[in-house]
Amino acid sequence: MVEKLKKLSIKSNLSVRLLLLTFSFVLLAEILIYVPSIANYRKSWLEERLSAANIAILAIEAAPDNMINEMMTKKLLTHAGVDAIVLKQKDKSQLVLNTDQPLEIKARYDLRDASYWTLVIDAMKTMFHVHPHNSMIQVTGSTDFTQPAQDNSYLQIIFHEDLLCEDMYAFSYNVMILSIIISLITAGLVYYSLSCLLIRPVRRLTNSVMSFRAAPEKATDDLTSDGRSDEIGIVMNEVGAMQTEIRRALTQKKHLAQLGESVSKINHDLRNILSSAQMVSDHLTTIDNPTVQKLTPRFVSALDRAVELCETTLKYGKAGIIKPILAPVDLKELVDEIALSYGIDDQPDLKFTNNIPRGFSLNADADQMYRVFMNLTRNALQAMHHRGEITITVQEENGQHVIDFSDNGPGIPDRIKATLFQPFHGSSNGGSGLGLAISREIIEAHGGTLELLQTDEKGSRFRITLP
């Protein structure tokens, strides 16, 4: 239950945060657009009042002797939406259209040469009521807004700033409602798009990682990107590959632990059986038979190796290969002994060609090298189904001994080439895959290398390089 709540919390937090961030960013963009919009709205509002005032001035000029009665003056001012109008022209007297009430002006603005930032600042002053409530302001503008002024004439209007404030607030309210609607629609569309492109893959990735953490060895569907080639797809593919590799490694370690447990159980009984066989082999030396006398040393040596192998197999899963005890080893004799152990000479369909020169000596651990060639020979026999030819050659290159172990079997399948020397991965004949892994560790402990030189339908060739 706790894990489910955690998953729901992760999903909701990420989704809500993404939605809120998208909404906030869109709203912020609307605010940035609003600032110049409100400044432009204020300028247009004032220019409309100046235009209405200019019409009122034209009405005065059309009257005889520029004289109109008080009632007409009030109608013209009401139509223009101002309390007073002042027209000044070059070489002409000042024309004033005013009421009888005294006017106290709190601020003066000039639209003729106002810059962008001046308009913005003036708009903010109006919005935030810098001046007292119901203050009178004076605005100066050109007499003709379509063309630049040709002389020093200008027009001034005086009115209550609250009229401008109310219209600006109404405009701001409409912009705010429109901005919220646009933000919600945009946030919804962006969220839906990001949900398909980002949220859902991240949720799937999160669920996969949490499930893998809870049961890493459990076989689950591999995490794939569903054909995506972007960064999310790459991450999903890499995480899926990593999970597969870790799962294989855990399975391998589990098998190693089971192997160690099994070997530890049979180790005691097997050593007793081999000890009894050693006692029997001691009596064989007293039999006066040439064949028995010839085979007995090899039989005793095989038993000794079996006892040693039984004692050291368990150490593979604990401390690795034992440090080799180096001594001169007759390589040709050691390889011949392996052929004899498998009874290759008694099998007519098998041919074992030992091209190692007689007396060729290596400075190595005889028992460990025996295990290496025993594993290679067993793998070759199983691959060829005991029908074919095994060839072993040796040569010296750049101060190193190069030993080639070849067979004419069907070759190694491509599916296991990459994991050929990994325990429990590199077997194509149903085995555990430990043979080549142990052999490589032995050769590396000797300061050399073991590699697959080539493989195809005509056979395989392994190369051992030793100092």
Protein backbone atom coordinates (compact mmCIF):
# COMPACT_ATOMS: atom_id res chain seq x y z
CA MET A 1 0.00 0.00 0.00
CA VAL A 2 2.82 2.37 0.85
CA GLU A 3 4.54 1.66 -2.46
CA LYS A 4 1.32 2.38 -4.37
CA LEU A 5 0.91 5.68 -2.54
CA LYS A 6 4.50 6.57 -3.41
CA LYS A 7 3.85 5.84 -7.07
CA LEU A 8 0.66 7.92 -7.07
CA SER A 9 2.48 10.74 -5.31
CA ILE A 10 5.26 10.72 -7.90
CA LYS A 11 2.78 10.73 -10.77
CA SER A 12 0.57 13.49 -9.33
CA ASN A 13 3.47 15.70 -8.26
CA LEU A 14 5.14 15.61 -11.65
CA SER A 15 1.88 16.16 -13.56
CA VAL A 16 0.65 18.98 -11.30
CA ARG A 17 4.03 20.70 -11.33
CA LEU A 18 4.21 20.54 -15.10
CA LEU A 19 0.69 21.91 -15.46
CA LEU A 20 1.32 24.73 -12.98
CA LEU A 21 4.64 25.65 -14.55
CA THR A 22 3.10 25.74 -18.03
CA PHE A 23 0.20 27.88 -16.79
CA SER A 24 2.57 30.21 -14.91
CA PHE A 25 4.90 30.71 -17.87
CA VAL A 26 2.04 31.44 -20.26
CA LEU A 27 0.52 33.85 -17.75
CA LEU A 28 3.91 35.53 -17.32
CA ALA A 29 4.11 35.99 -21.07
CA GLU A 30 0.64 37.55 -21.02
CA ILE A 31 1.75 39.95 -18.27
CA LEU A 32 4.76 40.99 -20.31
CA ILE A 33 2.42 41.66 -23.21
CA TYR A 34 -0.05 43.51 -20.94
CA VAL A 35 2.42 46.23 -19.88
CA PRO A 36 2.89 47.76 -23.36
CA SER A 37 -0.79 47.09 -24.11
CA ILE A 38 -2.06 49.17 -21.17
CA ALA A 39 0.38 51.95 -22.03
CA ASN A 40 -0.84 51.95 -25.63
CA TYR A 41 -4.47 51.85 -24.45
CA ARG A 42 -3.89 54.94 -22.25
CA LYS A 43 -2.27 56.80 -25.14
CA SER A 44 -5.16 55.91 -27.48
CA TRP A 45 -7.70 56.97 -24.85
CA LEU A 46 -6.02 60.35 -24.41
CA GLU A 47 -5.70 60.85 -28.17
CA GLU A 48 -9.44 60.19 -28.53
CA ARG A 49 -10.14 62.90 -25.94
CA LEU A 50 -7.81 65.29 -27.76
CA SER A 51 -9.57 64.53 -31.03
CA ALA A 52 -12.96 65.22 -29.43
CA ALA A 53 -11.55 68.45 -27.99
CA ASN A 54 -10.26 69.45 -31.42
CA ILE A 55 -13.78 69.00 -32.83
CA ALA A 56 -15.11 71.22 -30.05
CA ILE A 57 -12.53 73.90 -30.99
CA LEU A 58 -13.67 73.70 -34.63
CA ALA A 59 -17.23 74.35 -33.46
CA ILE A 60 -16.08 77.45 -31.61
CA GLU A 61 -14.16 78.73 -34.62
CA ALA A 62 -17.25 78.28 -36.75
CA ALA A 63 -19.32 80.47 -34.40
CA PRO A 64 -19.57 84.25 -35.09
CA ASP A 65 -16.70 86.06 -33.41
CA ASN A 66 -15.72 82.76 -31.79
CA MET A 67 -18.45 83.26 -29.22
CA ILE A 68 -20.82 80.56 -27.92
CA ASN A 69 -23.21 80.53 -24.99
CA GLU A 70 -22.72 78.71 -21.70
CA MET A 71 -25.09 75.86 -22.59
CA MET A 72 -23.23 75.11 -25.82
CA THR A 73 -19.93 75.19 -23.92
CA LYS A 74 -21.14 72.56 -21.46
CA LYS A 75 -22.42 70.37 -24.30
CA LEU A 76 -19.07 70.57 -26.13
CA LEU A 77 -17.10 69.74 -22.96
CA THR A 78 -19.44 66.90 -22.09
CA HIS A 79 -19.13 65.48 -25.60
CA ALA A 80 -15.34 65.69 -25.40
CA GLY A 81 -15.38 64.19 -21.89
CA VAL A 82 -13.17 66.88 -20.41
CA ASP A 83 -13.54 69.87 -18.06
CA ALA A 84 -11.49 72.37 -20.05
CA ILE A 85 -9.88 72.77 -23.46
CA VAL A 86 -7.00 75.08 -24.36
CA LEU A 87 -5.78 75.74 -27.93
CA LYS A 88 -2.59 77.64 -28.60
CA GLN A 89 -1.52 78.52 -32.12
CA LYS A 90 1.40 80.46 -33.54
CA ASP A 91 0.65 84.13 -34.20
CA LYS A 92 -2.84 83.65 -32.75
CA SER A 93 -4.36 84.31 -29.41
CA GLN A 94 -5.10 81.53 -26.93
CA LEU A 95 -8.58 80.04 -27.22
CA VAL A 96 -10.03 78.59 -24.02
CA LEU A 97 -13.17 76.56 -23.54
CA ASN A 98 -13.76 76.32 -19.79
CA THR A 99 -16.31 76.18 -17.07
CA ASP A 100 -16.68 78.80 -14.39
CA GLN A 101 -15.36 76.44 -11.69
CA PRO A 102 -11.72 76.77 -10.59
CA LEU A 103 -9.47 73.90 -11.71
CA GLU A 104 -6.61 72.56 -9.59
CA ILE A 105 -4.23 70.56 -11.75
CA LYS A 106 -2.26 67.78 -9.98
CA ALA A 107 -0.24 66.46 -12.95
CA ARG A 108 0.67 67.41 -16.49
CA TYR A 109 1.45 65.04 -19.37
CA ASP A 110 2.75 65.75 -22.86
CA LEU A 111 2.04 63.20 -25.60
CA ARG A 112 3.90 65.00 -28.36
CA ASP A 113 7.40 63.71 -27.66
CA ALA A 114 6.65 60.98 -25.09
CA SER A 115 8.94 57.96 -25.31
CA TYR A 116 7.87 54.34 -24.85
CA TRP A 117 9.16 54.13 -21.29
CA THR A 118 7.58 57.47 -20.41
CA LEU A 119 4.20 56.15 -21.57
CA VAL A 120 4.66 52.93 -19.57
CA ILE A 121 5.64 54.82 -16.39
CA ASP A 122 2.73 57.25 -16.77
CA ALA A 123 0.33 54.33 -17.27
CA MET A 124 1.56 52.66 -14.07
CA LYS A 125 1.13 55.93 -12.16
CA THR A 126 -2.46 56.10 -13.33
CA MET A 127 -3.15 52.43 -12.50
CA PHE A 128 -1.75 52.67 -8.97
CA HIS A 129 -3.36 56.04 -8.12
CA VAL A 130 -0.21 58.05 -7.54
CA HIS A 131 -2.34 61.16 -7.45
CA PRO A 132 -5.21 61.70 -4.98
CA HIS A 133 -8.69 60.50 -5.83
CA ASN A 134 -10.62 62.63 -8.36
CA SER A 135 -7.53 64.69 -9.23
CA MET A 136 -7.43 66.93 -12.28
CA ILE A 137 -4.72 66.31 -14.88
CA GLN A 138 -3.63 68.22 -17.95
CA VAL A 139 -2.70 66.48 -21.19
CA THR A 140 -0.96 68.25 -24.06
CA GLY A 141 -1.07 66.96 -27.61
CA SER A 142 -0.92 67.95 -31.25
CA THR A 143 -3.87 69.49 -33.01
CA ASP A 144 -3.54 66.98 -35.88
CA PHE A 145 -2.49 63.39 -34.98
CA THR A 146 -2.17 62.24 -38.57
CA GLN A 147 0.68 64.60 -39.41
CA PRO A 148 3.58 66.02 -37.41
CA ALA A 149 3.07 69.55 -36.14
CA GLN A 150 4.21 72.21 -38.63
CA ASP A 151 4.25 75.06 -36.09
CA ASN A 152 4.15 75.58 -32.35
CA SER A 153 0.40 75.00 -32.05
CA TYR A 154 -0.85 72.46 -29.54
CA LEU A 155 -3.97 71.41 -27.74
CA GLN A 156 -4.47 70.90 -24.02
CA ILE A 157 -7.29 69.15 -22.20
CA ILE A 158 -8.04 69.07 -18.49
CA PHE A 159 -10.20 66.37 -16.92
CA HIS A 160 -10.60 64.14 -13.86
CA GLU A 161 -8.06 61.27 -13.87
CA ASP A 162 -10.65 58.89 -12.37
CA LEU A 163 -12.36 58.70 -15.77
CA LEU A 164 -9.14 57.38 -17.29
CA CYS A 165 -8.57 55.03 -14.35
CA GLU A 166 -12.00 53.43 -14.65
CA ASP A 167 -11.56 52.71 -18.36
CA MET A 168 -8.04 51.37 -17.78
CA TYR A 169 -9.33 49.08 -15.03
CA ALA A 170 -12.08 47.80 -17.31
CA PHE A 171 -9.54 47.18 -20.06
CA SER A 172 -7.22 45.42 -17.59
CA TYR A 173 -10.06 43.22 -16.34
CA ASN A 174 -10.92 42.13 -19.87
CA VAL A 175 -7.25 41.46 -20.62
CA MET A 176 -6.93 39.47 -17.39
CA ILE A 177 -9.93 37.27 -18.20
CA LEU A 178 -8.70 36.75 -21.76
CA SER A 179 -5.17 35.98 -20.50
CA ILE A 180 -6.44 33.39 -18.04
CA ILE A 181 -8.52 31.71 -20.75
CA ILE A 182 -5.58 31.70 -23.18
CA SER A 183 -3.25 30.44 -20.42
CA LEU A 184 -5.58 27.59 -19.53
CA ILE A 185 -6.07 26.55 -23.14
CA THR A 186 -2.36 26.82 -23.92
CA ALA A 187 -1.38 25.05 -20.70
CA GLY A 188 -3.83 22.27 -21.46
CA LEU A 189 -2.51 21.77 -24.99
CA VAL A 190 1.13 21.96 -23.88
CA TYR A 191 0.45 19.64 -20.96
CA TYR A 192 -1.27 17.10 -23.19
CA SER A 193 1.62 17.21 -25.66
CA LEU A 194 4.25 16.90 -22.93
CA SER A 195 2.22 14.18 -21.25
CA CYS A 196 2.39 12.07 -24.40
CA LEU A 197 6.04 12.88 -25.12
CA LEU A 198 7.46 13.05 -21.59
CA ILE A 199 5.17 12.22 -18.67
CA ARG A 200 4.01 8.80 -19.84
CA PRO A 201 7.52 7.56 -20.73
CA VAL A 202 8.84 8.91 -17.42
CA ARG A 203 6.03 7.14 -15.54
CA ARG A 204 6.82 3.92 -17.34
CA LEU A 205 10.50 4.38 -16.61
CA THR A 206 9.76 5.14 -12.94
CA ASN A 207 7.52 2.09 -12.55
CA SER A 208 10.13 -0.11 -14.21
CA VAL A 209 12.93 1.15 -11.95
CA MET A 210 10.82 0.76 -8.80
CA SER A 211 9.70 -2.74 -9.83
CA PHE A 212 13.26 -3.69 -10.65
CA ARG A 213 14.44 -2.40 -7.26
CA ALA A 214 11.75 -4.45 -5.50
CA ALA A 215 12.58 -7.68 -7.38
CA PRO A 216 15.71 -7.35 -9.55
CA GLU A 217 15.88 -11.05 -10.39
CA LYS A 218 12.26 -11.31 -11.44
CA ALA A 219 11.80 -11.80 -15.18
CA THR A 220 9.83 -8.81 -16.49
CA ASP A 221 9.23 -7.28 -19.87
CA ASP A 222 12.27 -5.44 -21.13
CA LEU A 223 11.99 -1.65 -21.07
CA THR A 224 12.09 -0.40 -24.65
CA SER A 225 11.59 3.00 -26.24
CA ASP A 226 8.83 1.88 -28.64
CA GLY A 227 10.82 3.15 -31.59
CA ARG A 228 11.72 6.56 -30.13
CA SER A 229 15.13 7.90 -31.14
CA ASP A 230 15.20 11.01 -28.94
CA GLU A 231 16.84 11.43 -25.51
CA ILE A 232 13.93 9.76 -23.69
CA GLY A 233 14.11 6.80 -26.03
CA ILE A 234 17.87 6.49 -25.53
CA VAL A 235 17.44 6.59 -21.73
CA MET A 236 14.71 3.93 -21.84
CA ASN A 237 16.84 1.66 -24.05
CA GLU A 238 19.90 2.11 -21.85
CA VAL A 239 17.97 1.51 -18.62
CA GLY A 240 16.37 -1.58 -20.15
CA ALA A 241 19.76 -2.89 -21.27
CA MET A 242 21.24 -2.15 -17.84
CA GLN A 243 18.40 -4.01 -16.12
CA THR A 244 18.94 -7.00 -18.39
CA GLU A 245 22.68 -7.05 -17.71
CA ILE A 246 22.19 -6.70 -13.95
CA ARG A 247 19.54 -9.42 -13.98
CA ARG A 248 21.93 -11.74 -15.83
CA ALA A 249 24.74 -10.90 -13.43
CA LEU A 250 22.52 -11.63 -10.44
CA THR A 251 21.41 -14.89 -12.01
CA GLN A 252 25.04 -15.77 -12.63
CA LYS A 253 25.96 -15.04 -9.02
CA LYS A 254 22.99 -17.08 -7.88
CA HIS A 255 24.17 -19.99 -10.01
CA LEU A 256 27.68 -19.60 -8.62
CA ALA A 257 26.31 -19.67 -5.10
CA GLN A 258 24.29 -22.78 -5.90
CA LEU A 259 27.36 -24.34 -7.49
CA GLY A 260 29.44 -23.60 -4.42
CA GLU A 261 26.78 -25.01 -2.14
CA SER A 262 26.48 -28.17 -4.24
CA VAL A 263 30.24 -28.67 -4.45
CA SER A 264 30.62 -28.16 -0.71
CA LYS A 265 28.04 -30.91 -0.12
CA ILE A 266 29.66 -33.48 -2.38
CA ASN A 267 33.25 -32.43 -1.71
CA HIS A 268 33.63 -34.55 1.41
CA ASP A 269 32.11 -37.71 -0.05
CA LEU A 270 33.95 -37.35 -3.34
CA ARG A 271 37.30 -36.97 -1.60
CA ASN A 272 36.63 -40.18 0.35
CA ILE A 273 35.81 -42.01 -2.89
CA LEU A 274 38.95 -40.71 -4.56
CA SER A 275 41.03 -41.62 -1.52
CA SER A 276 39.77 -45.19 -1.80
CA ALA A 277 40.67 -45.17 -5.49
CA GLN A 278 44.16 -43.95 -4.61
CA MET A 279 44.59 -46.85 -2.22
CA VAL A 280 43.58 -49.24 -5.00
CA SER A 281 46.02 -47.58 -7.38
CA ASP A 282 48.83 -48.16 -4.90
CA HIS A 283 48.21 -51.93 -5.15
CA LEU A 284 48.27 -51.74 -8.94
CA THR A 285 51.96 -50.93 -8.83
CA THR A 286 52.64 -54.42 -7.40
CA ILE A 287 51.03 -56.21 -10.36
CA ASP A 288 53.65 -57.66 -12.72
CA ASN A 289 52.01 -56.67 -15.99
CA PRO A 290 53.63 -54.33 -18.54
CA THR A 291 50.35 -52.71 -19.56
CA VAL A 292 49.30 -52.18 -15.96
CA GLN A 293 52.71 -50.77 -15.10
CA LYS A 294 52.46 -48.37 -18.06
CA LEU A 295 48.99 -47.06 -17.27
CA THR A 296 49.22 -46.99 -13.48
CA PRO A 297 51.30 -43.73 -13.23
CA ARG A 298 48.84 -41.91 -15.44
CA PHE A 299 45.92 -43.31 -13.47
CA VAL A 300 47.53 -42.17 -10.22
CA SER A 301 48.23 -38.74 -11.71
CA ALA A 302 44.60 -38.44 -12.87
CA LEU A 303 43.38 -39.29 -9.39
CA ASP A 304 45.68 -36.72 -7.83
CA ARG A 305 44.37 -34.09 -10.22
CA ALA A 306 40.80 -35.10 -9.41
CA VAL A 307 41.42 -34.65 -5.70
CA GLU A 308 43.10 -31.30 -6.31
CA LEU A 309 40.28 -30.20 -8.61
CA CYS A 310 37.71 -31.16 -5.98
CA GLU A 311 39.50 -29.03 -3.39
CA THR A 312 39.93 -25.96 -5.62
CA THR A 313 36.62 -25.87 -7.53
CA LEU A 314 34.87 -24.28 -4.58
CA LYS A 315 37.49 -21.51 -4.53
CA TYR A 316 36.41 -20.36 -7.98
CA GLY A 317 33.31 -18.79 -6.50
CA LYS A 318 35.21 -17.34 -3.53
CA ALA A 319 38.75 -16.22 -4.30
CA GLY A 320 39.27 -17.02 -7.97
CA ILE A 321 42.09 -19.09 -9.45
CA ILE A 322 44.90 -20.11 -7.12
CA LYS A 323 48.21 -18.43 -7.90
CA PRO A 324 50.06 -20.76 -10.27
CA ILE A 325 53.18 -22.61 -9.12
CA LEU A 326 55.54 -22.20 -12.06
CA ALA A 327 57.81 -25.04 -13.13
CA PRO A 328 59.03 -26.47 -16.46
CA VAL A 329 56.23 -28.41 -18.17
CA ASP A 330 56.64 -30.71 -21.15
CA LEU A 331 53.73 -29.43 -23.22
CA LYS A 332 53.72 -32.26 -25.78
CA GLU A 333 53.56 -34.90 -23.06
CA LEU A 334 50.78 -33.01 -21.25
CA VAL A 335 48.66 -32.79 -24.44
CA ASP A 336 49.24 -36.48 -25.23
CA GLU A 337 48.05 -37.35 -21.74
CA ILE A 338 44.79 -35.47 -22.37
CA ALA A 339 44.25 -37.37 -25.65
CA LEU A 340 44.84 -40.61 -23.79
CA SER A 341 42.43 -39.62 -21.01
CA TYR A 342 39.63 -39.09 -23.53
CA GLY A 343 40.52 -42.28 -25.43
CA ILE A 344 40.78 -40.40 -28.70
CA ASP A 345 43.14 -42.99 -30.24
CA ASP A 346 40.44 -45.65 -29.76
CA GLN A 347 37.83 -43.68 -31.70
CA PRO A 348 38.18 -44.21 -35.49
CA ASP A 349 36.18 -41.07 -36.39
CA LEU A 350 38.47 -38.81 -34.34
CA LYS A 351 41.91 -37.55 -35.22
CA PHE A 352 44.13 -35.79 -32.70
CA THR A 353 47.15 -34.04 -34.24
CA ASN A 354 49.75 -32.91 -31.73
CA ASN A 355 52.25 -30.77 -33.67
CA ILE A 356 54.09 -29.59 -30.57
CA PRO A 357 57.79 -30.39 -30.92
CA ARG A 358 59.09 -33.11 -28.63
CA GLY A 359 60.79 -31.67 -25.59
CA PHE A 360 59.02 -28.31 -25.90
CA SER A 361 58.89 -26.87 -22.38
CA LEU A 362 56.78 -24.14 -20.76
CA ASN A 363 57.32 -22.40 -17.46
CA ALA A 364 53.80 -22.91 -16.05
CA ASP A 365 51.65 -24.71 -13.50
CA ALA A 366 51.21 -28.22 -14.88
CA ASP A 367 47.87 -28.97 -13.17
CA GLN A 368 46.31 -25.67 -14.22
CA MET A 369 47.54 -25.98 -17.81
CA TYR A 370 46.11 -29.50 -17.82
CA ARG A 371 42.70 -28.03 -16.91
CA VAL A 372 42.94 -25.50 -19.74
CA PHE A 373 43.66 -28.08 -22.47
CA MET A 374 41.18 -30.50 -20.91
CA ASN A 375 38.41 -27.87 -21.19
CA LEU A 376 39.33 -26.93 -24.76
CA THR A 377 39.46 -30.58 -25.81
CA ARG A 378 36.13 -31.41 -24.18
CA ASN A 379 34.43 -28.43 -25.86
CA ALA A 380 35.85 -29.43 -29.25
CA LEU A 381 34.72 -33.06 -28.88
CA GLN A 382 31.21 -32.00 -27.88
CA ALA A 383 31.00 -29.52 -30.78
CA MET A 384 32.18 -32.13 -33.32
CA HIS A 385 30.07 -34.89 -31.74
CA HIS A 386 33.25 -36.99 -31.55
CA ARG A 387 33.71 -36.86 -35.33
CA GLY A 388 36.48 -34.69 -36.73
CA GLU A 389 40.03 -33.51 -36.18
CA ILE A 390 41.75 -31.55 -33.42
CA THR A 391 45.07 -29.88 -34.14
CA ILE A 392 47.46 -28.23 -31.68
CA THR A 393 50.45 -26.18 -32.83
CA VAL A 394 52.96 -23.93 -31.09
CA GLN A 395 55.36 -21.24 -32.25
CA GLU A 396 57.38 -18.38 -30.83
CA GLU A 397 56.53 -14.77 -31.76
CA ASN A 398 58.19 -11.69 -30.25
CA GLY A 399 59.49 -13.59 -27.26
CA GLN A 400 56.15 -15.26 -26.53
CA HIS A 401 54.78 -18.78 -26.90
CA VAL A 402 51.75 -18.84 -29.20
CA ILE A 403 49.66 -22.02 -28.97
CA ASP A 404 46.82 -22.56 -31.46
CA PHE A 405 44.06 -25.06 -30.64
CA SER A 406 41.93 -25.83 -33.73
CA ASP A 407 39.05 -28.11 -34.64
CA ASN A 408 37.00 -28.65 -37.81
CA GLY A 409 33.62 -28.59 -36.09
CA PRO A 410 30.56 -26.50 -37.07
CA GLY A 411 31.85 -23.34 -35.40
CA ILE A 412 30.50 -21.28 -32.51
CA PRO A 413 27.03 -19.69 -32.87
CA ASP A 414 26.95 -15.91 -33.21
CA ARG A 415 24.55 -15.56 -30.28
CA ILE A 416 27.18 -16.62 -27.74
CA LYS A 417 30.35 -15.10 -29.20
CA ALA A 418 30.07 -11.92 -27.13
CA THR A 419 29.65 -13.89 -23.87
CA LEU A 420 31.86 -16.85 -24.72
CA PHE A 421 34.21 -16.38 -21.75
CA GLN A 422 31.51 -15.43 -19.23
CA PRO A 423 30.31 -18.05 -16.73
CA PHE A 424 26.87 -19.50 -17.54
CA HIS A 425 26.72 -17.60 -20.84
CA GLY A 426 29.19 -19.12 -23.25
CA SER A 427 27.98 -22.69 -23.71
CA SER A 428 26.32 -23.92 -26.90
CA ASN A 429 26.10 -27.58 -25.90
CA GLY A 430 23.94 -27.34 -22.78
CA GLY A 431 26.85 -27.03 -20.34
CA SER A 432 27.34 -24.46 -17.60
CA GLY A 433 29.77 -22.33 -19.60
CA LEU A 434 32.37 -22.42 -16.82
CA GLY A 435 35.11 -24.20 -18.77
CA LEU A 436 36.28 -21.32 -20.96
CA ALA A 437 35.79 -18.79 -18.14
CA ILE A 438 38.06 -20.83 -15.84
CA SER A 439 40.56 -21.44 -18.65
CA ARG A 440 40.88 -17.73 -19.41
CA GLU A 441 41.42 -16.92 -15.73
CA ILE A 442 44.15 -19.57 -15.54
CA ILE A 443 45.94 -18.20 -18.61
CA GLU A 444 45.64 -14.62 -17.35
CA ALA A 445 47.05 -15.73 -13.99
CA HIS A 446 50.08 -16.94 -15.98
CA GLY A 447 50.42 -13.47 -17.56
CA GLY A 448 49.02 -14.56 -20.92
CA THR A 449 45.83 -14.34 -22.98
CA LEU A 450 43.22 -16.76 -24.29
CA GLU A 451 41.09 -15.63 -27.22
CA LEU A 452 38.89 -16.95 -29.98
CA LEU A 453 40.93 -16.26 -33.08
CA GLN A 454 38.36 -17.32 -35.66
CA THR A 455 35.25 -19.45 -36.07
CA ASP A 456 33.02 -20.37 -39.01
CA GLU A 457 31.32 -23.39 -40.50
CA LYS A 458 34.75 -24.94 -41.14
CA GLY A 459 35.78 -24.93 -37.48
CA SER A 460 37.14 -22.83 -34.65
CA ARG A 461 40.61 -21.80 -33.52
CA PHE A 462 41.58 -20.61 -30.05
CA ARG A 463 44.92 -18.95 -29.36
CA ILE A 464 46.88 -19.04 -26.12
CA THR A 465 49.71 -16.54 -25.74
CA LEU A 466 52.13 -17.05 -22.84
CA PRO A 467 55.32 -15.21 -21.90
